[in-house]
N, C-alpha and C. Protein backbone atom coordinates (compact mmCIF):
# COMPACT_ATOMS: atom_id res chain seq x y z
N UNK A 1 3.77 -20.19 15.57
CA UNK A 1 3.06 -20.14 14.44
C UNK A 1 3.43 -18.63 14.17
N UNK A 2 3.91 -18.44 12.83
CA UNK A 2 4.53 -17.56 12.01
C UNK A 2 3.50 -16.60 11.59
N UNK A 3 3.68 -15.04 11.64
CA UNK A 3 2.65 -14.26 11.14
C UNK A 3 2.03 -14.22 9.79
N UNK A 4 2.96 -14.97 8.87
CA UNK A 4 1.76 -14.94 7.82
C UNK A 4 0.59 -16.13 8.29
N UNK A 5 1.37 -17.09 8.49
CA UNK A 5 0.07 -18.05 8.94
C UNK A 5 -1.17 -17.66 9.64
N UNK A 6 -0.61 -16.81 10.15
CA UNK A 6 -1.88 -16.37 11.42
C UNK A 6 -2.75 -15.34 10.40
N UNK A 7 -2.28 -14.78 9.39
CA UNK A 7 -3.06 -14.21 8.31
C UNK A 7 -3.89 -14.89 7.72
N UNK A 8 -3.26 -15.63 7.07
CA UNK A 8 -3.95 -16.53 6.47
C UNK A 8 -5.41 -17.48 7.39
N UNK A 9 -5.05 -17.39 8.50
CA UNK A 9 -5.97 -18.50 9.62
C UNK A 9 -7.03 -16.93 9.63
N UNK A 10 -6.44 -15.87 9.62
CA UNK A 10 -7.34 -14.60 10.13
C UNK A 10 -8.11 -14.27 9.00
N UNK A 11 -7.98 -14.45 7.43
CA UNK A 11 -8.79 -14.88 6.62
C UNK A 11 -9.86 -16.10 6.46
N UNK A 12 -9.43 -16.94 7.00
CA UNK A 12 -10.08 -18.11 6.80
C UNK A 12 -11.49 -18.01 7.81
N UNK A 13 -10.73 -17.43 8.99
CA UNK A 13 -12.02 -17.14 10.40
C UNK A 13 -13.05 -16.04 9.24
N UNK A 14 -12.74 -14.96 8.74
CA UNK A 14 -13.33 -14.32 8.15
C UNK A 14 -14.25 -14.85 7.32
N UNK A 15 -14.02 -15.77 6.40
CA UNK A 15 -15.02 -16.30 5.90
C UNK A 15 -15.80 -17.34 6.23
N UNK A 16 -15.00 -17.89 7.09
CA UNK A 16 -16.32 -18.89 8.46
C UNK A 16 -17.32 -17.67 8.65
N UNK A 17 -16.96 -16.34 9.23
CA UNK A 17 -18.06 -15.83 9.93
C UNK A 17 -19.13 -15.78 8.92
N UNK A 18 -18.72 -15.04 7.87
CA UNK A 18 -19.25 -14.89 6.49
C UNK A 18 -20.37 -15.49 6.25
N UNK A 19 -19.86 -17.05 6.21
CA UNK A 19 -20.59 -18.31 5.62
C UNK A 19 -21.74 -18.34 6.73
N UNK A 20 -21.12 -18.55 7.84
CA UNK A 20 -22.22 -18.62 9.17
C UNK A 20 -23.59 -17.74 9.30
N UNK A 21 -22.89 -16.23 9.07
CA UNK A 21 -23.99 -15.45 9.14
C UNK A 21 -24.70 -15.98 7.52
N UNK A 22 -24.51 -16.14 6.59
CA UNK A 22 -25.56 -16.56 5.80
C UNK A 22 -26.19 -17.76 6.21
N UNK A 23 -25.74 -18.69 6.57
CA UNK A 23 -26.39 -19.95 7.27
C UNK A 23 -27.22 -19.36 8.22
N UNK A 24 -27.04 -18.59 8.94
CA UNK A 24 -28.23 -18.15 10.07
C UNK A 24 -29.39 -17.18 9.11
N UNK A 25 -29.06 -16.16 8.30
CA UNK A 25 -30.17 -15.62 7.66
C UNK A 25 -31.32 -16.25 6.72
N UNK A 26 -30.39 -17.72 6.45
CA UNK A 26 -31.44 -19.01 5.65
C UNK A 26 -31.96 -19.26 6.72
N UNK A 27 -31.82 -19.55 8.24
CA UNK A 27 -32.83 -20.26 9.05
C UNK A 27 -33.10 -19.36 9.57
N UNK A 28 -33.36 -18.43 9.52
CA UNK A 28 -33.82 -17.43 10.61
C UNK A 28 -35.73 -17.17 10.79
N UNK A 29 -35.65 -17.72 9.41
CA UNK A 29 -37.36 -17.83 9.95
C UNK A 29 -37.65 -19.54 8.17
N UNK A 30 -39.09 -19.09 8.64
CA UNK A 30 -39.37 -20.72 8.29
C UNK A 30 -41.03 -21.10 7.97
N UNK A 31 -41.66 -21.13 6.98
CA UNK A 31 -42.91 -21.40 7.01
C UNK A 31 -43.72 -22.32 8.97
N UNK A 32 -44.79 -21.50 9.03
CA UNK A 32 -44.83 -22.17 10.33
C UNK A 32 -45.43 -23.49 10.37
N UNK A 33 -45.07 -24.53 11.33
CA UNK A 33 -44.90 -25.38 11.54
C UNK A 33 -43.73 -26.26 10.80
N UNK A 34 -42.67 -25.55 10.00
CA UNK A 34 -41.65 -26.48 9.37
C UNK A 34 -40.21 -26.23 10.60
N UNK A 35 -39.27 -26.96 10.15
CA UNK A 35 -38.61 -26.79 11.00
C UNK A 35 -37.39 -26.55 10.22
N UNK A 36 -36.53 -25.10 10.76
CA UNK A 36 -35.08 -24.93 9.88
C UNK A 36 -34.64 -26.01 9.64
N UNK A 37 -33.44 -26.19 8.32
CA UNK A 37 -32.53 -26.89 7.91
C UNK A 37 -31.59 -27.36 8.96
N UNK A 38 -31.22 -26.07 9.50
CA UNK A 38 -30.02 -25.69 11.00
C UNK A 38 -30.68 -25.29 11.86
N UNK A 39 -30.22 -25.68 13.03
CA UNK A 39 -30.46 -24.88 14.48
C UNK A 39 -29.61 -23.67 14.57
N UNK A 40 -30.59 -22.42 14.12
CA UNK A 40 -30.42 -21.29 14.40
C UNK A 40 -29.57 -21.17 15.79
N UNK A 41 -29.48 -21.46 16.97
CA UNK A 41 -29.07 -21.73 18.15
C UNK A 41 -27.75 -22.16 17.98
N UNK A 42 -27.64 -23.10 17.53
CA UNK A 42 -25.84 -23.84 17.53
C UNK A 42 -25.24 -23.06 16.44
N UNK A 43 -26.04 -22.13 15.42
CA UNK A 43 -24.92 -21.39 14.14
C UNK A 43 -24.49 -20.20 15.12
N UNK A 44 -25.31 -19.44 16.03
CA UNK A 44 -25.01 -18.43 16.54
C UNK A 44 -23.73 -18.83 17.23
N UNK A 45 -24.08 -19.94 18.09
CA UNK A 45 -22.75 -20.32 19.13
C UNK A 45 -21.43 -20.33 18.43
N UNK A 46 -22.08 -21.32 17.26
CA UNK A 46 -20.63 -21.05 16.31
C UNK A 46 -20.07 -19.47 16.14
N UNK A 47 -21.07 -19.07 15.35
CA UNK A 47 -20.89 -17.64 14.85
C UNK A 47 -19.88 -16.61 16.53
N UNK A 48 -20.19 -16.97 17.43
CA UNK A 48 -19.74 -16.19 18.70
C UNK A 48 -18.31 -16.85 19.13
N UNK A 49 -18.61 -18.18 18.97
CA UNK A 49 -16.67 -19.18 19.17
C UNK A 49 -16.10 -18.38 17.83
N UNK A 50 -16.76 -18.32 16.38
CA UNK A 50 -15.35 -17.79 15.94
C UNK A 50 -15.15 -16.53 15.84
N UNK A 51 -16.21 -15.33 16.29
CA UNK A 51 -15.88 -13.95 16.69
C UNK A 51 -14.82 -14.05 17.51
N UNK A 52 -14.73 -14.72 18.50
CA UNK A 52 -14.07 -14.91 20.10
C UNK A 52 -12.64 -14.95 19.38
N UNK A 53 -12.66 -16.02 18.44
CA UNK A 53 -11.02 -16.66 17.86
C UNK A 53 -11.05 -15.61 17.05
N UNK A 54 -11.21 -15.03 16.26
CA UNK A 54 -11.01 -13.71 15.49
C UNK A 54 -10.90 -12.53 15.83
N UNK A 55 -11.03 -12.11 17.23
CA UNK A 55 -10.39 -11.09 17.83
C UNK A 55 -9.29 -11.35 18.64
N UNK A 56 -9.38 -12.60 19.23
CA UNK A 56 -8.00 -12.67 19.74
C UNK A 56 -6.90 -12.72 18.81
N UNK A 57 -7.22 -13.48 17.67
CA UNK A 57 -6.03 -13.53 16.58
C UNK A 57 -5.85 -12.20 15.89
N UNK A 58 -6.43 -11.00 15.84
CA UNK A 58 -6.15 -9.99 15.44
C UNK A 58 -5.65 -9.28 16.34
N UNK A 59 -5.96 -9.37 17.35
CA UNK A 59 -4.81 -8.41 18.44
C UNK A 59 -3.54 -9.07 18.62
N UNK A 60 -3.49 -10.20 18.54
CA UNK A 60 -2.27 -10.63 18.43
C UNK A 60 -1.50 -10.16 17.11
N UNK A 61 -1.88 -10.39 15.98
CA UNK A 61 -1.32 -9.76 14.77
C UNK A 61 -0.70 -8.51 14.81
N UNK A 62 -2.08 -7.65 15.68
CA UNK A 62 -1.72 -6.21 15.66
C UNK A 62 -0.33 -6.07 16.53
N UNK A 63 -0.65 -6.65 17.79
CA UNK A 63 0.44 -6.80 18.62
C UNK A 63 2.16 -6.84 18.10
N UNK A 64 1.90 -8.48 17.12
CA UNK A 64 3.33 -8.66 16.27
C UNK A 64 3.61 -7.10 15.45
N UNK A 65 2.46 -6.96 14.51
CA UNK A 65 2.63 -6.20 13.84
C UNK A 65 3.84 -4.41 14.15
N UNK A 66 2.93 -4.48 15.48
CA UNK A 66 3.70 -2.84 15.99
C UNK A 66 4.65 -2.75 16.82
N UNK A 67 5.30 -4.46 16.91
CA UNK A 67 6.53 -4.02 17.77
C UNK A 67 7.36 -5.00 16.85
N UNK A 68 7.00 -5.55 15.60
CA UNK A 68 8.27 -6.00 14.79
C UNK A 68 9.08 -5.11 14.18
N UNK A 69 9.97 -4.86 14.02
CA UNK A 69 10.94 -3.68 13.69
C UNK A 69 11.16 -4.49 12.13
N UNK A 70 10.98 -3.77 10.81
CA UNK A 70 11.19 -3.91 9.65
C UNK A 70 12.61 -3.07 8.88
N UNK A 71 12.10 -1.82 8.50
CA UNK A 71 13.26 -1.04 8.21
C UNK A 71 13.34 0.16 8.41
N UNK A 72 14.65 0.19 8.33
CA UNK A 72 14.53 2.26 8.70
C UNK A 72 14.07 2.70 9.62
N UNK A 73 14.04 1.81 10.60
CA UNK A 73 13.23 2.38 12.08
C UNK A 73 11.37 2.32 11.76
N UNK A 74 11.06 1.26 10.96
CA UNK A 74 9.78 1.75 10.60
C UNK A 74 9.23 -0.16 11.12
N UNK A 75 8.27 -0.04 11.85
CA UNK A 75 7.83 -1.42 12.47
C UNK A 75 6.91 -2.40 11.06
N UNK A 76 6.63 -3.24 11.26
CA UNK A 76 5.67 -3.79 10.10
C UNK A 76 4.59 -2.92 9.90
N UNK A 77 3.73 -2.35 11.09
CA UNK A 77 2.28 -2.12 11.08
C UNK A 77 2.80 -0.66 10.12
N UNK A 78 3.99 0.24 10.74
CA UNK A 78 4.48 1.49 9.69
C UNK A 78 4.50 1.03 8.68
N UNK A 79 4.82 0.02 8.20
CA UNK A 79 5.28 -0.38 6.45
C UNK A 79 3.75 -0.53 5.91
N UNK A 80 3.37 -1.30 6.42
CA UNK A 80 1.38 -1.73 6.52
C UNK A 80 1.35 0.22 5.45
N UNK A 81 1.06 0.36 6.69
CA UNK A 81 0.56 1.94 6.62
C UNK A 81 1.10 2.77 5.44
N UNK A 82 2.21 2.62 5.24
CA UNK A 82 3.20 3.34 3.77
C UNK A 82 3.26 2.88 2.73
N UNK A 83 3.09 1.14 2.75
CA UNK A 83 2.15 0.63 1.60
C UNK A 83 1.28 0.97 0.77
N UNK A 84 -0.18 1.00 1.77
CA UNK A 84 -1.33 1.48 1.44
C UNK A 84 -1.55 2.61 1.14
N UNK A 85 -0.56 3.67 1.69
CA UNK A 85 -0.86 5.01 1.21
C UNK A 85 -0.15 5.17 -0.23
N UNK A 86 1.11 4.23 -0.33
CA UNK A 86 2.17 4.51 -1.57
C UNK A 86 0.85 3.62 -2.57
N UNK A 87 -0.09 2.69 -2.59
CA UNK A 87 -0.58 2.45 -3.40
C UNK A 87 -1.94 3.20 -4.17
N UNK A 88 -1.99 4.17 -2.82
CA UNK A 88 -3.56 5.00 -3.20
C UNK A 88 -3.12 6.10 -4.38
N UNK A 89 -1.68 6.39 -3.65
CA UNK A 89 -1.16 7.70 -4.91
C UNK A 89 -0.79 7.36 -5.95
N UNK A 90 -0.07 5.92 -6.10
CA UNK A 90 -0.05 5.45 -7.60
C UNK A 90 -1.01 5.31 -8.41
N UNK A 91 -2.14 5.17 -8.08
CA UNK A 91 -3.40 4.98 -8.40
C UNK A 91 -3.94 6.52 -8.51
N UNK A 92 -3.51 7.41 -7.67
CA UNK A 92 -4.27 8.90 -8.44
C UNK A 92 -3.26 9.66 -9.42
N UNK A 93 -2.05 9.23 -9.18
CA UNK A 93 -1.26 10.03 -10.09
C UNK A 93 -1.58 9.39 -11.55
N UNK A 94 -2.03 7.64 -11.59
CA UNK A 94 -2.06 7.30 -13.16
C UNK A 94 -3.32 7.86 -13.36
N UNK A 95 -4.31 7.77 -12.58
CA UNK A 95 -5.71 7.91 -12.91
C UNK A 95 -5.70 9.73 -13.53
N UNK A 96 -5.23 10.71 -12.66
CA UNK A 96 -4.68 11.79 -13.22
C UNK A 96 -4.13 12.11 -14.49
N UNK A 97 -3.13 11.21 -15.02
CA UNK A 97 -2.30 11.86 -16.06
C UNK A 97 -3.21 10.87 -16.84
N UNK A 98 -4.21 9.93 -17.07
CA UNK A 98 -5.30 8.97 -18.00
C UNK A 98 -5.97 10.18 -17.88
N UNK A 99 -6.25 11.22 -16.92
CA UNK A 99 -7.41 11.91 -17.37
C UNK A 99 -6.82 13.11 -18.15
N UNK A 100 -5.80 13.43 -18.11
CA UNK A 100 -4.78 14.84 -18.47
C UNK A 100 -4.93 14.17 -19.68
N UNK A 101 -4.42 13.32 -20.42
CA UNK A 101 -3.80 12.82 -21.65
C UNK A 101 -5.29 13.58 -22.69
N UNK A 102 -4.73 14.59 -23.44
CA UNK A 102 -5.94 15.40 -24.21
C UNK A 102 -6.04 14.58 -25.61
N UNK A 103 -7.36 13.94 -25.48
CA UNK A 103 -7.65 13.27 -27.23
C UNK A 103 -8.80 14.26 -27.36
N UNK A 104 -8.22 14.65 -28.79
CA UNK A 104 -8.91 15.78 -29.73
C UNK A 104 -10.33 14.71 -30.76
N UNK A 105 -10.99 14.70 -30.16
CA UNK A 105 -12.24 14.22 -30.95
C UNK A 105 -13.12 15.28 -32.15
N UNK A 106 -12.45 15.97 -32.33
CA UNK A 106 -13.24 17.64 -32.47
C UNK A 106 -13.21 16.82 -34.08
N UNK A 107 -14.54 17.46 -34.63
CA UNK A 107 -14.58 17.25 -36.18
C UNK A 107 -14.94 18.98 -36.90
N UNK A 108 -15.22 19.91 -36.17
CA UNK A 108 -15.64 20.99 -36.61
C UNK A 108 -14.44 21.96 -35.66
N UNK A 109 -14.16 22.97 -36.59
CA UNK A 109 -13.02 24.24 -35.63
C UNK A 109 -13.79 24.33 -34.76
N UNK A 110 -15.21 24.57 -34.85
CA UNK A 110 -16.54 25.64 -33.63
C UNK A 110 -16.18 24.67 -32.14
N UNK A 111 -15.66 23.17 -32.33
CA UNK A 111 -15.66 22.40 -31.00
C UNK A 111 -14.57 22.68 -30.18
N UNK A 112 -14.73 22.42 -28.83
CA UNK A 112 -13.93 23.40 -27.79
C UNK A 112 -12.64 22.59 -28.12
N UNK A 113 -11.74 23.05 -27.73
CA UNK A 113 -10.84 22.27 -28.12
C UNK A 113 -9.51 22.31 -26.14
N UNK A 114 -9.26 21.23 -26.21
CA UNK A 114 -8.61 20.94 -25.00
C UNK A 114 -7.32 20.66 -24.59
N UNK A 115 -6.80 21.22 -23.29
CA UNK A 115 -5.31 21.42 -23.28
C UNK A 115 -5.19 20.58 -21.96
N UNK A 116 -3.66 19.58 -21.74
CA UNK A 116 -3.23 19.33 -20.49
C UNK A 116 -2.69 20.23 -19.76
N UNK A 117 -3.21 20.57 -18.67
CA UNK A 117 -2.51 21.48 -17.42
C UNK A 117 -1.53 20.86 -16.69
N UNK A 118 -1.11 19.30 -16.52
CA UNK A 118 0.06 18.60 -15.96
C UNK A 118 0.86 18.16 -16.95
N UNK A 119 1.78 17.60 -16.55
CA UNK A 119 3.34 17.04 -16.91
C UNK A 119 2.90 15.65 -17.18
N UNK A 120 2.20 14.86 -18.16
CA UNK A 120 1.62 13.67 -17.83
C UNK A 120 2.43 12.79 -18.03
N UNK A 121 4.13 13.27 -18.51
CA UNK A 121 5.17 12.17 -18.51
C UNK A 121 5.75 11.92 -17.30
N UNK A 122 5.74 13.09 -16.96
CA UNK A 122 6.60 13.10 -14.93
C UNK A 122 5.28 12.73 -14.18
N UNK A 123 4.35 12.83 -14.78
CA UNK A 123 3.20 11.73 -13.50
C UNK A 123 3.28 9.91 -13.93
N UNK A 124 3.56 10.26 -15.23
CA UNK A 124 3.53 8.59 -15.25
C UNK A 124 5.09 7.92 -14.52
N UNK A 125 5.88 8.98 -14.47
CA UNK A 125 7.45 8.36 -13.98
C UNK A 125 6.94 8.38 -12.71
N UNK A 126 6.18 9.31 -12.09
CA UNK A 126 6.09 8.98 -10.62
C UNK A 126 5.46 7.86 -10.21
N UNK A 127 4.43 7.82 -10.69
CA UNK A 127 3.36 6.43 -10.94
C UNK A 127 4.43 5.20 -10.59
N UNK A 128 5.61 5.13 -11.71
CA UNK A 128 6.21 3.97 -11.67
C UNK A 128 7.30 3.73 -10.33
N UNK A 129 7.51 5.46 -10.23
CA UNK A 129 8.39 5.22 -8.92
C UNK A 129 7.82 5.06 -7.97
N UNK A 130 6.59 5.12 -7.22
CA UNK A 130 5.37 4.72 -6.46
C UNK A 130 5.55 3.24 -6.51
N UNK A 131 5.20 2.78 -7.75
CA UNK A 131 4.71 1.29 -7.51
C UNK A 131 5.68 0.63 -7.42
N UNK A 132 7.11 0.88 -7.71
CA UNK A 132 8.75 0.13 -7.58
C UNK A 132 8.45 0.31 -5.57
N UNK A 133 8.59 1.18 -5.47
CA UNK A 133 8.21 1.61 -4.55
C UNK A 133 7.55 0.86 -3.50
N UNK A 134 6.73 0.37 -3.71
CA UNK A 134 5.34 -0.33 -3.35
C UNK A 134 5.94 -1.67 -3.54
N UNK A 135 6.09 -2.29 -4.50
CA UNK A 135 6.42 -3.34 -4.58
C UNK A 135 8.02 -3.82 -3.74
N UNK A 136 8.97 -2.94 -3.36
CA UNK A 136 9.84 -3.51 -2.85
C UNK A 136 9.54 -3.60 -1.17
N UNK A 137 8.61 -2.55 -0.83
CA UNK A 137 7.98 -2.10 0.48
C UNK A 137 7.02 -3.86 0.74
N UNK A 138 6.42 -3.96 0.12
CA UNK A 138 5.52 -5.11 0.31
C UNK A 138 6.26 -6.27 0.09
N UNK A 139 7.71 -6.71 -0.84
CA UNK A 139 8.21 -7.66 -0.20
C UNK A 139 8.98 -7.81 1.02
N UNK A 140 9.24 -6.73 1.57
CA UNK A 140 9.98 -6.72 2.59
C UNK A 140 9.05 -7.06 3.80
N UNK A 141 8.14 -6.38 3.65
CA UNK A 141 6.40 -7.16 4.54
C UNK A 141 6.44 -8.57 4.63
N UNK A 142 6.44 -8.96 3.47
CA UNK A 142 6.26 -10.41 3.21
C UNK A 142 6.85 -11.73 3.40
N UNK A 143 7.80 -11.07 3.54
CA UNK A 143 9.63 -11.61 4.10
C UNK A 143 9.74 -11.84 5.92
N UNK A 144 9.12 -10.43 6.49
CA UNK A 144 8.98 -10.76 7.71
C UNK A 144 7.88 -11.03 7.97
N UNK A 145 6.91 -11.07 7.17
CA UNK A 145 5.40 -12.05 7.97
C UNK A 145 5.67 -13.78 7.86
N UNK A 146 6.88 -14.24 6.74
CA UNK A 146 7.25 -15.58 7.40
C UNK A 146 8.16 -15.37 7.99
N UNK A 147 9.03 -14.65 8.61
CA UNK A 147 10.07 -14.93 9.34
C UNK A 147 9.88 -14.62 10.81
N UNK A 148 8.60 -13.90 11.01
CA UNK A 148 8.31 -13.50 12.31
C UNK A 148 7.32 -14.74 13.01
N UNK A 149 7.83 -14.64 14.22
CA UNK A 149 6.77 -15.58 15.09
C UNK A 149 5.65 -14.52 15.67
N UNK A 150 4.53 -14.93 15.97
CA UNK A 150 3.49 -14.47 16.33
C UNK A 150 3.43 -14.35 17.67
N UNK A 151 3.12 -12.90 18.25
CA UNK A 151 3.16 -12.60 19.59
C UNK A 151 1.89 -13.36 20.55
N UNK A 152 2.24 -13.86 21.63
CA UNK A 152 1.39 -14.47 22.60
C UNK A 152 0.53 -13.04 22.91
């Protein structure tokens, strides 16, 4: 199984876990004398089975990510961490630029005038560079996901 397939399977198992949890909650209590629509014991057993399978799969994904080289000596796990931080930094730069953009809604000269304390154009360029770096790194990660076999 390729790493990308394991990631898809992980998402499916996480969805199944949530659905089982919701079904359990719906059948957790009934009016006295009634029977639940589904057997809670069977649902709990299935929830435990899905949980165990999910743990094993996540452990294999983590082992694969931490040992698979990507670029510049980074492992896939390192690249994922870097990509996530790039996304956060890009969002911070864009938000700062948007907040710093001075919009004058003054109607009289006695109203407060605001001035930007940062170079908005430079922030936008940095955000664009971060977005490009994020896209390029994400592409390399996705490529590795489809080329890498999942570790046992």
